[in-house]
Amino acid sequence: ARNPYAFPELLLEEGLEAWTAREVWLV
């Protein structure tokens, strides 16, 4: 999600900019 080069079509075709989620809680 944070890497703009991962799945570039999400940015190019859907306009979804990279995003860093800062924490994960596992159940």
PDB file of all heavy atoms in Angstrom:
ATOM      1  N   ALA A   1       0.822  -1.224   0.000  1.00  0.00           N
ATOM      2  CA  ALA A   1       0.000   0.000   0.000  1.00  0.00           C
ATOM      3  C   ALA A   1       0.850   1.265   0.000  1.00  0.00           C
ATOM      4  O   ALA A   1       0.466   2.280  -0.572  1.00  0.00           O
ATOM      5  CB  ALA A   1      -0.945  -0.007   1.201  1.00  0.00           C
ATOM      6  N   ARG A   2       2.012   1.187   0.638  1.00  0.00           N
ATOM      7  CA  ARG A   2       2.853   2.379   0.748  1.00  0.00           C
ATOM      8  C   ARG A   2       3.796   2.562  -0.427  1.00  0.00           C
ATOM      9  O   ARG A   2       4.443   3.607  -0.546  1.00  0.00           O
ATOM     10  CB  ARG A   2       3.675   2.308   2.043  1.00  0.00           C
ATOM     11  CG  ARG A   2       4.762   1.237   2.036  1.00  0.00           C
ATOM     12  CD  ARG A   2       5.453   1.127   3.379  1.00  0.00           C
ATOM     13  NE  ARG A   2       4.519   0.732   4.417  1.00  0.00           N
ATOM     14  CZ  ARG A   2       4.776   0.790   5.725  1.00  0.00           C
ATOM     15  NH1 ARG A   2       5.951   1.232   6.138  1.00  0.00           N
ATOM     16  NH2 ARG A   2       3.879   0.403   6.600  1.00  0.00           N
ATOM     17  N   ASN A   3       3.903   1.563  -1.263  1.00  0.00           N
ATOM     18  CA  ASN A   3       4.868   1.583  -2.365  1.00  0.00           C
ATOM     19  C   ASN A   3       4.178   2.037  -3.649  1.00  0.00           C
ATOM     20  O   ASN A   3       3.355   1.304  -4.221  1.00  0.00           O
ATOM     21  CB  ASN A   3       5.459   0.182  -2.554  1.00  0.00           C
ATOM     22  CG  ASN A   3       6.473   0.132  -3.683  1.00  0.00           C
ATOM     23  OD1 ASN A   3       6.781   1.150  -4.319  1.00  0.00           O
ATOM     24  ND2 ASN A   3       6.993  -1.058  -3.957  1.00  0.00           N
ATOM     25  N   PRO A   4       4.468   3.236  -4.155  1.00  0.00           N
ATOM     26  CA  PRO A   4       3.788   3.728  -5.360  1.00  0.00           C
ATOM     27  C   PRO A   4       4.079   2.891  -6.599  1.00  0.00           C
ATOM     28  O   PRO A   4       3.348   2.987  -7.596  1.00  0.00           O
ATOM     29  CB  PRO A   4       4.312   5.151  -5.508  1.00  0.00           C
ATOM     30  CG  PRO A   4       5.628   5.161  -4.799  1.00  0.00           C
ATOM     31  CD  PRO A   4       5.477   4.203  -3.651  1.00  0.00           C
ATOM     32  N   TYR A   5       5.111   2.042  -6.543  1.00  0.00           N
ATOM     33  CA  TYR A   5       5.447   1.203  -7.680  1.00  0.00           C
ATOM     34  C   TYR A   5       4.759  -0.160  -7.617  1.00  0.00           C
ATOM     35  O   TYR A   5       4.841  -0.929  -8.581  1.00  0.00           O
ATOM     36  CB  TYR A   5       6.959   1.027  -7.777  1.00  0.00           C
ATOM     37  CG  TYR A   5       7.681   2.336  -8.003  1.00  0.00           C
ATOM     38  CD1 TYR A   5       8.286   3.002  -6.945  1.00  0.00           C
ATOM     39  CD2 TYR A   5       7.735   2.924  -9.266  1.00  0.00           C
ATOM     40  CE1 TYR A   5       8.927   4.215  -7.136  1.00  0.00           C
ATOM     41  CE2 TYR A   5       8.370   4.134  -9.478  1.00  0.00           C
ATOM     42  CZ  TYR A   5       8.971   4.775  -8.398  1.00  0.00           C
ATOM     43  OH  TYR A   5       9.601   5.982  -8.597  1.00  0.00           O
ATOM     44  N   ALA A   6       4.101  -0.449  -6.495  1.00  0.00           N
ATOM     45  CA  ALA A   6       3.346  -1.691  -6.380  1.00  0.00           C
ATOM     46  C   ALA A   6       1.949  -1.477  -6.949  1.00  0.00           C
ATOM     47  O   ALA A   6       1.284  -0.489  -6.629  1.00  0.00           O
ATOM     48  CB  ALA A   6       3.252  -2.113  -4.914  1.00  0.00           C
ATOM     49  N   PHE A   7       1.508  -2.386  -7.804  1.00  0.00           N
ATOM     50  CA  PHE A   7       0.202  -2.275  -8.451  1.00  0.00           C
ATOM     51  C   PHE A   7      -0.004  -0.863  -9.007  1.00  0.00           C
ATOM     52  O   PHE A   7      -0.932  -0.145  -8.606  1.00  0.00           O
ATOM     53  CB  PHE A   7      -0.919  -2.644  -7.467  1.00  0.00           C
ATOM     54  CG  PHE A   7      -0.710  -3.956  -6.762  1.00  0.00           C
ATOM     55  CD1 PHE A   7      -0.648  -4.021  -5.376  1.00  0.00           C
ATOM     56  CD2 PHE A   7      -0.567  -5.132  -7.492  1.00  0.00           C
ATOM     57  CE1 PHE A   7      -0.454  -5.222  -4.728  1.00  0.00           C
ATOM     58  CE2 PHE A   7      -0.386  -6.356  -6.848  1.00  0.00           C
ATOM     59  CZ  PHE A   7      -0.322  -6.398  -5.462  1.00  0.00           C
ATOM     60  N   PRO A   8       0.849  -0.422  -9.921  1.00  0.00           N
ATOM     61  CA  PRO A   8       0.790   0.959 -10.411  1.00  0.00           C
ATOM     62  C   PRO A   8      -0.548   1.314 -11.040  1.00  0.00           C
ATOM     63  O   PRO A   8      -0.919   2.491 -11.091  1.00  0.00           O
ATOM     64  CB  PRO A   8       1.936   1.025 -11.426  1.00  0.00           C
ATOM     65  CG  PRO A   8       2.191  -0.399 -11.816  1.00  0.00           C
ATOM     66  CD  PRO A   8       1.914  -1.200 -10.593  1.00  0.00           C
ATOM     67  N   GLU A   9      -1.300   0.302 -11.487  1.00  0.00           N
ATOM     68  CA  GLU A   9      -2.599   0.601 -12.092  1.00  0.00           C
ATOM     69  C   GLU A   9      -3.574   1.189 -11.068  1.00  0.00           C
ATOM     70  O   GLU A   9      -4.528   1.897 -11.445  1.00  0.00           O
ATOM     71  CB  GLU A   9      -3.198  -0.664 -12.722  1.00  0.00           C
ATOM     72  CG  GLU A   9      -3.462  -1.811 -11.757  1.00  0.00           C
ATOM     73  CD  GLU A   9      -2.262  -2.712 -11.547  1.00  0.00           C
ATOM     74  OE1 GLU A   9      -1.121  -2.267 -11.820  1.00  0.00           O
ATOM     75  OE2 GLU A   9      -2.461  -3.856 -11.102  1.00  0.00           O
ATOM     76  N   LEU A  10      -3.358   0.923  -9.783  1.00  0.00           N
ATOM     77  CA  LEU A  10      -4.227   1.522  -8.773  1.00  0.00           C
ATOM     78  C   LEU A  10      -4.090   3.040  -8.765  1.00  0.00           C
ATOM     79  O   LEU A  10      -5.064   3.759  -8.517  1.00  0.00           O
ATOM     80  CB  LEU A  10      -3.903   0.958  -7.382  1.00  0.00           C
ATOM     81  CG  LEU A  10      -4.218  -0.520  -7.158  1.00  0.00           C
ATOM     82  CD1 LEU A  10      -3.822  -0.932  -5.743  1.00  0.00           C
ATOM     83  CD2 LEU A  10      -5.692  -0.809  -7.397  1.00  0.00           C
ATOM     84  N   LEU A  11      -2.894   3.517  -9.043  1.00  0.00           N
ATOM     85  CA  LEU A  11      -2.680   4.962  -9.149  1.00  0.00           C
ATOM     86  C   LEU A  11      -3.073   5.472 -10.524  1.00  0.00           C
ATOM     87  O   LEU A  11      -3.828   6.446 -10.658  1.00  0.00           O
ATOM     88  CB  LEU A  11      -1.222   5.300  -8.859  1.00  0.00           C
ATOM     89  CG  LEU A  11      -0.808   6.765  -9.074  1.00  0.00           C
ATOM     90  CD1 LEU A  11      -1.624   7.691  -8.167  1.00  0.00           C
ATOM     91  CD2 LEU A  11       0.681   6.940  -8.831  1.00  0.00           C
ATOM     92  N   LEU A  12      -2.598   4.807 -11.576  1.00  0.00           N
ATOM     93  CA  LEU A  12      -2.778   5.307 -12.935  1.00  0.00           C
ATOM     94  C   LEU A  12      -4.238   5.237 -13.387  1.00  0.00           C
ATOM     95  O   LEU A  12      -4.718   6.124 -14.103  1.00  0.00           O
ATOM     96  CB  LEU A  12      -1.888   4.526 -13.898  1.00  0.00           C
ATOM     97  CG  LEU A  12      -0.380   4.649 -13.644  1.00  0.00           C
ATOM     98  CD1 LEU A  12       0.393   3.734 -14.577  1.00  0.00           C
ATOM     99  CD2 LEU A  12       0.075   6.096 -13.809  1.00  0.00           C
ATOM    100  N   GLU A  13      -4.937   4.172 -12.991  1.00  0.00           N
ATOM    101  CA  GLU A  13      -6.306   3.963 -13.466  1.00  0.00           C
ATOM    102  C   GLU A  13      -7.363   4.373 -12.449  1.00  0.00           C
ATOM    103  O   GLU A  13      -8.494   4.707 -12.828  1.00  0.00           O
ATOM    104  CB  GLU A  13      -6.503   2.494 -13.853  1.00  0.00           C
ATOM    105  CG  GLU A  13      -5.591   2.029 -14.970  1.00  0.00           C
ATOM    106  CD  GLU A  13      -5.695   0.541 -15.238  1.00  0.00           C
ATOM    107  OE1 GLU A  13      -6.641  -0.088 -14.699  1.00  0.00           O
ATOM    108  OE2 GLU A  13      -4.830   0.009 -15.965  1.00  0.00           O
ATOM    109  N   GLU A  14      -7.016   4.336 -11.150  1.00  0.00           N
ATOM    110  CA  GLU A  14      -8.015   4.608 -10.120  1.00  0.00           C
ATOM    111  C   GLU A  14      -7.678   5.816  -9.255  1.00  0.00           C
ATOM    112  O   GLU A  14      -8.473   6.216  -8.403  1.00  0.00           O
ATOM    113  CB  GLU A  14      -8.191   3.365  -9.235  1.00  0.00           C
ATOM    114  CG  GLU A  14      -8.620   2.127 -10.005  1.00  0.00           C
ATOM    115  CD  GLU A  14      -8.781   0.902  -9.122  1.00  0.00           C
ATOM    116  OE1 GLU A  14      -9.267   1.062  -7.970  1.00  0.00           O
ATOM    117  OE2 GLU A  14      -8.426  -0.208  -9.561  1.00  0.00           O
ATOM    118  N   GLY A  15      -6.489   6.389  -9.481  1.00  0.00           N
ATOM    119  CA  GLY A  15      -6.111   7.592  -8.748  1.00  0.00           C
ATOM    120  C   GLY A  15      -5.833   7.371  -7.276  1.00  0.00           C
ATOM    121  O   GLY A  15      -5.927   8.304  -6.479  1.00  0.00           O
ATOM    122  N   LEU A  16      -5.467   6.139  -6.892  1.00  0.00           N
ATOM    123  CA  LEU A  16      -5.252   5.810  -5.488  1.00  0.00           C
ATOM    124  C   LEU A  16      -3.775   5.969  -5.131  1.00  0.00           C
ATOM    125  O   LEU A  16      -2.932   5.154  -5.502  1.00  0.00           O
ATOM    126  CB  LEU A  16      -5.721   4.380  -5.198  1.00  0.00           C
ATOM    127  CG  LEU A  16      -7.227   4.147  -5.389  1.00  0.00           C
ATOM    128  CD1 LEU A  16      -7.568   2.683  -5.226  1.00  0.00           C
ATOM    129  CD2 LEU A  16      -8.035   5.010  -4.412  1.00  0.00           C
ATOM    130  N   GLU A  17      -3.477   7.026  -4.409  1.00  0.00           N
ATOM    131  CA  GLU A  17      -2.111   7.319  -3.998  1.00  0.00           C
ATOM    132  C   GLU A  17      -1.646   6.323  -2.928  1.00  0.00           C
ATOM    133  O   GLU A  17      -2.445   5.761  -2.180  1.00  0.00           O
ATOM    134  CB  GLU A  17      -2.034   8.735  -3.420  1.00  0.00           C
ATOM    135  CG  GLU A  17      -2.402   9.839  -4.402  1.00  0.00           C
ATOM    136  CD  GLU A  17      -1.260  10.190  -5.337  1.00  0.00           C
ATOM    137  OE1 GLU A  17      -0.144   9.648  -5.151  1.00  0.00           O
ATOM    138  OE2 GLU A  17      -1.486  11.018  -6.243  1.00  0.00           O
ATOM    139  N   ALA A  18      -0.337   6.117  -2.843  1.00  0.00           N
ATOM    140  CA  ALA A  18       0.244   5.250  -1.822  1.00  0.00           C
ATOM    141  C   ALA A  18      -0.125   5.752  -0.432  1.00  0.00           C
ATOM    142  O   ALA A  18      -0.295   6.959  -0.206  1.00  0.00           O
ATOM    143  CB  ALA A  18       1.756   5.190  -1.991  1.00  0.00           C
ATOM    144  N   TRP A  19      -0.239   4.792   0.504  1.00  0.00           N
ATOM    145  CA  TRP A  19      -0.619   5.143   1.869  1.00  0.00           C
ATOM    146  C   TRP A  19       0.088   4.216   2.852  1.00  0.00           C
ATOM    147  O   TRP A  19       0.167   3.002   2.635  1.00  0.00           O
ATOM    148  CB  TRP A  19      -2.127   5.026   2.082  1.00  0.00           C
ATOM    149  CG  TRP A  19      -2.536   5.322   3.493  1.00  0.00           C
ATOM    150  CD1 TRP A  19      -2.886   4.422   4.459  1.00  0.00           C
ATOM    151  CD2 TRP A  19      -2.602   6.609   4.114  1.00  0.00           C
ATOM    152  NE1 TRP A  19      -3.180   5.056   5.638  1.00  0.00           N
ATOM    153  CE2 TRP A  19      -3.013   6.408   5.455  1.00  0.00           C
ATOM    154  CE3 TRP A  19      -2.348   7.901   3.670  1.00  0.00           C
ATOM    155  CZ2 TRP A  19      -3.182   7.464   6.352  1.00  0.00           C
ATOM    156  CZ3 TRP A  19      -2.521   8.955   4.558  1.00  0.00           C
ATOM    157  CH2 TRP A  19      -2.929   8.742   5.878  1.00  0.00           C
ATOM    158  N   THR A  20       0.593   4.791   3.941  1.00  0.00           N
ATOM    159  CA  THR A  20       1.254   4.015   4.998  1.00  0.00           C
ATOM    160  C   THR A  20       0.348   3.907   6.214  1.00  0.00           C
ATOM    161  O   THR A  20       0.062   4.911   6.880  1.00  0.00           O
ATOM    162  CB  THR A  20       2.585   4.670   5.409  1.00  0.00           C
ATOM    163  OG1 THR A  20       3.471   4.694   4.292  1.00  0.00           O
ATOM    164  CG2 THR A  20       3.225   3.898   6.560  1.00  0.00           C
ATOM    165  N   ALA A  21      -0.132   2.707   6.482  1.00  0.00           N
ATOM    166  CA  ALA A  21      -0.833   2.431   7.739  1.00  0.00           C
ATOM    167  C   ALA A  21       0.234   2.225   8.813  1.00  0.00           C
ATOM    168  O   ALA A  21       1.131   1.396   8.666  1.00  0.00           O
ATOM    169  CB  ALA A  21      -1.707   1.193   7.602  1.00  0.00           C
ATOM    170  N   ARG A  22       0.128   2.963   9.898  1.00  0.00           N
ATOM    171  CA  ARG A  22       1.239   3.043  10.836  1.00  0.00           C
ATOM    172  C   ARG A  22       1.284   1.900  11.850  1.00  0.00           C
ATOM    173  O   ARG A  22       2.308   1.692  12.509  1.00  0.00           O
ATOM    174  CB  ARG A  22       1.175   4.379  11.574  1.00  0.00           C
ATOM    175  CG  ARG A  22       1.343   5.575  10.637  1.00  0.00           C
ATOM    176  CD  ARG A  22       0.945   6.865  11.294  1.00  0.00           C
ATOM    177  NE  ARG A  22       1.761   7.148  12.480  1.00  0.00           N
ATOM    178  CZ  ARG A  22       1.437   8.047  13.397  1.00  0.00           C
ATOM    179  NH1 ARG A  22       0.311   8.735  13.287  1.00  0.00           N
ATOM    180  NH2 ARG A  22       2.226   8.254  14.433  1.00  0.00           N
ATOM    181  N   GLU A  23       0.186   1.163  11.976  1.00  0.00           N
ATOM    182  CA  GLU A  23       0.179   0.097  12.977  1.00  0.00           C
ATOM    183  C   GLU A  23      -0.843  -0.962  12.580  1.00  0.00           C
ATOM    184  O   GLU A  23      -1.846  -0.675  11.939  1.00  0.00           O
ATOM    185  CB  GLU A  23      -0.178   0.687  14.350  1.00  0.00           C
ATOM    186  CG  GLU A  23       0.184  -0.187  15.539  1.00  0.00           C
ATOM    187  CD  GLU A  23       0.173   0.631  16.836  1.00  0.00           C
ATOM    188  OE1 GLU A  23      -0.908   0.746  17.449  1.00  0.00           O
ATOM    189  OE2 GLU A  23       1.233   1.170  17.207  1.00  0.00           O
ATOM    190  N   VAL A  24      -0.553  -2.212  12.963  1.00  0.00           N
ATOM    191  CA  VAL A  24      -1.471  -3.329  12.751  1.00  0.00           C
ATOM    192  C   VAL A  24      -1.704  -4.015  14.096  1.00  0.00           C
ATOM    193  O   VAL A  24      -0.749  -4.226  14.856  1.00  0.00           O
ATOM    194  CB  VAL A  24      -0.899  -4.347  11.735  1.00  0.00           C
ATOM    195  CG1 VAL A  24      -1.845  -5.533  11.582  1.00  0.00           C
ATOM    196  CG2 VAL A  24      -0.654  -3.684  10.383  1.00  0.00           C
ATOM    197  N   TRP A  25      -2.966  -4.363  14.380  1.00  0.00           N
ATOM    198  CA  TRP A  25      -3.293  -5.171  15.550  1.00  0.00           C
ATOM    199  C   TRP A  25      -3.799  -6.516  15.053  1.00  0.00           C
ATOM    200  O   TRP A  25      -4.737  -6.584  14.256  1.00  0.00           O
ATOM    201  CB  TRP A  25      -4.374  -4.512  16.403  1.00  0.00           C
ATOM    202  CG  TRP A  25      -3.954  -3.238  17.081  1.00  0.00           C
ATOM    203  CD1 TRP A  25      -2.758  -2.585  16.985  1.00  0.00           C
ATOM    204  CD2 TRP A  25      -4.750  -2.458  17.977  1.00  0.00           C
ATOM    205  NE1 TRP A  25      -2.749  -1.461  17.744  1.00  0.00           N
ATOM    206  CE2 TRP A  25      -3.963  -1.345  18.380  1.00  0.00           C
ATOM    207  CE3 TRP A  25      -6.047  -2.580  18.478  1.00  0.00           C
ATOM    208  CZ2 TRP A  25      -4.447  -0.382  19.261  1.00  0.00           C
ATOM    209  CZ3 TRP A  25      -6.524  -1.622  19.350  1.00  0.00           C
ATOM    210  CH2 TRP A  25      -5.734  -0.534  19.753  1.00  0.00           C
ATOM    211  N   LEU A  26      -3.161  -7.584  15.496  1.00  0.00           N
ATOM    212  CA  LEU A  26      -3.507  -8.937  15.077  1.00  0.00           C
ATOM    213  C   LEU A  26      -4.379  -9.616  16.127  1.00  0.00           C
ATOM    214  O   LEU A  26      -4.099  -9.535  17.333  1.00  0.00           O
ATOM    215  CB  LEU A  26      -2.241  -9.762  14.859  1.00  0.00           C
ATOM    216  CG  LEU A  26      -1.237  -9.215  13.837  1.00  0.00           C
ATOM    217  CD1 LEU A  26       0.024 -10.066  13.838  1.00  0.00           C
ATOM    218  CD2 LEU A  26      -1.859  -9.153  12.449  1.00  0.00           C
ATOM    219  N   VAL A  27      -5.426 -10.304  15.673  1.00  0.00           N
ATOM    220  CA  VAL A  27      -6.307 -11.042  16.572  1.00  0.00           C
ATOM    221  C   VAL A  27      -6.134 -12.540  16.346  1.00  0.00           C
ATOM    222  O   VAL A  27      -5.782 -12.980  15.253  1.00  0.00           O
ATOM    223  CB  VAL A  27      -7.782 -10.645  16.375  1.00  0.00           C
ATOM    224  CG1 VAL A  27      -7.980  -9.164  16.617  1.00  0.00           C
ATOM    225  CG2 VAL A  27      -8.276 -11.019  14.985  1.00  0.00           C
TER     226      VAL A  27
END
